Amino acid sequence: MRRALLHAKASLEIEGMFLTQQEDRLLTERAEGKIRYSEFLARAKEMARNV
């Protein structure tokens, strides 16, 4: 899962987009199964509101 996340981040960077530390941490926590999808979604929505 970590490898897939690294590939996705690399694809974003090729397009000139970069993840914040907060976004990276959220994705990592979800990929590692530390948080449920519902919590992931709620936190991602909150981040989007604060942009």
Protein backbone atom coordinates (compact mmCIF):
# COMPACT_ATOMS: atom_id res chain seq x y z
CA MET A 1 0.00 0.00 0.00
CA ARG A 2 2.86 2.35 0.82
CA ARG A 3 4.33 1.80 -2.63
CA ALA A 4 1.02 2.68 -4.30
CA LEU A 5 0.84 5.87 -2.24
CA LEU A 6 4.37 6.83 -3.31
CA HIS A 7 3.45 6.28 -6.96
CA ALA A 8 0.33 8.42 -6.60
CA LYS A 9 2.34 11.21 -4.97
CA ALA A 10 4.91 11.04 -7.77
CA SER A 11 2.14 11.32 -10.38
CA LEU A 12 0.79 14.41 -8.64
CA GLU A 13 4.23 15.98 -8.50
CA ILE A 14 4.76 15.39 -12.22
CA GLU A 15 1.59 17.44 -12.75
CA GLY A 16 2.93 20.18 -10.49
CA MET A 17 0.71 19.38 -7.49
CA PHE A 18 2.08 18.65 -4.05
CA LEU A 19 0.52 17.27 -0.88
CA THR A 20 0.74 19.17 2.37
CA GLN A 21 2.09 17.35 5.42
CA GLN A 22 -1.46 17.16 6.75
CA GLU A 23 -2.77 15.60 3.52
CA ASP A 24 0.13 13.16 3.38
CA ARG A 25 -0.43 12.13 7.00
CA LEU A 26 -4.16 11.61 6.38
CA LEU A 27 -3.55 9.43 3.32
CA THR A 28 -0.88 7.43 5.14
CA GLU A 29 -3.14 6.82 8.14
CA ARG A 30 -5.91 5.57 5.84
CA ALA A 31 -3.55 3.42 3.77
CA GLU A 32 -2.19 1.80 6.93
CA GLY A 33 -5.69 1.14 8.26
CA LYS A 34 -5.26 3.41 11.27
CA ILE A 35 -8.49 5.29 10.53
CA ARG A 36 -11.82 4.24 9.04
CA TYR A 37 -13.05 5.50 5.69
CA SER A 38 -15.74 7.61 7.37
CA GLU A 39 -13.13 9.41 9.49
CA PHE A 40 -10.90 9.84 6.45
CA LEU A 41 -13.75 11.37 4.49
CA ALA A 42 -14.77 13.72 7.32
CA ARG A 43 -11.21 14.96 7.79
CA ALA A 44 -10.65 15.35 4.03
CA LYS A 45 -13.87 17.40 3.73
CA GLU A 46 -12.76 19.61 6.62
CA MET A 47 -9.40 20.20 4.93
CA ALA A 48 -11.15 21.10 1.69
CA ARG A 49 -13.32 23.64 3.48
CA ASN A 50 -10.24 25.35 4.89
CA VAL A 51 -8.49 25.84 1.56
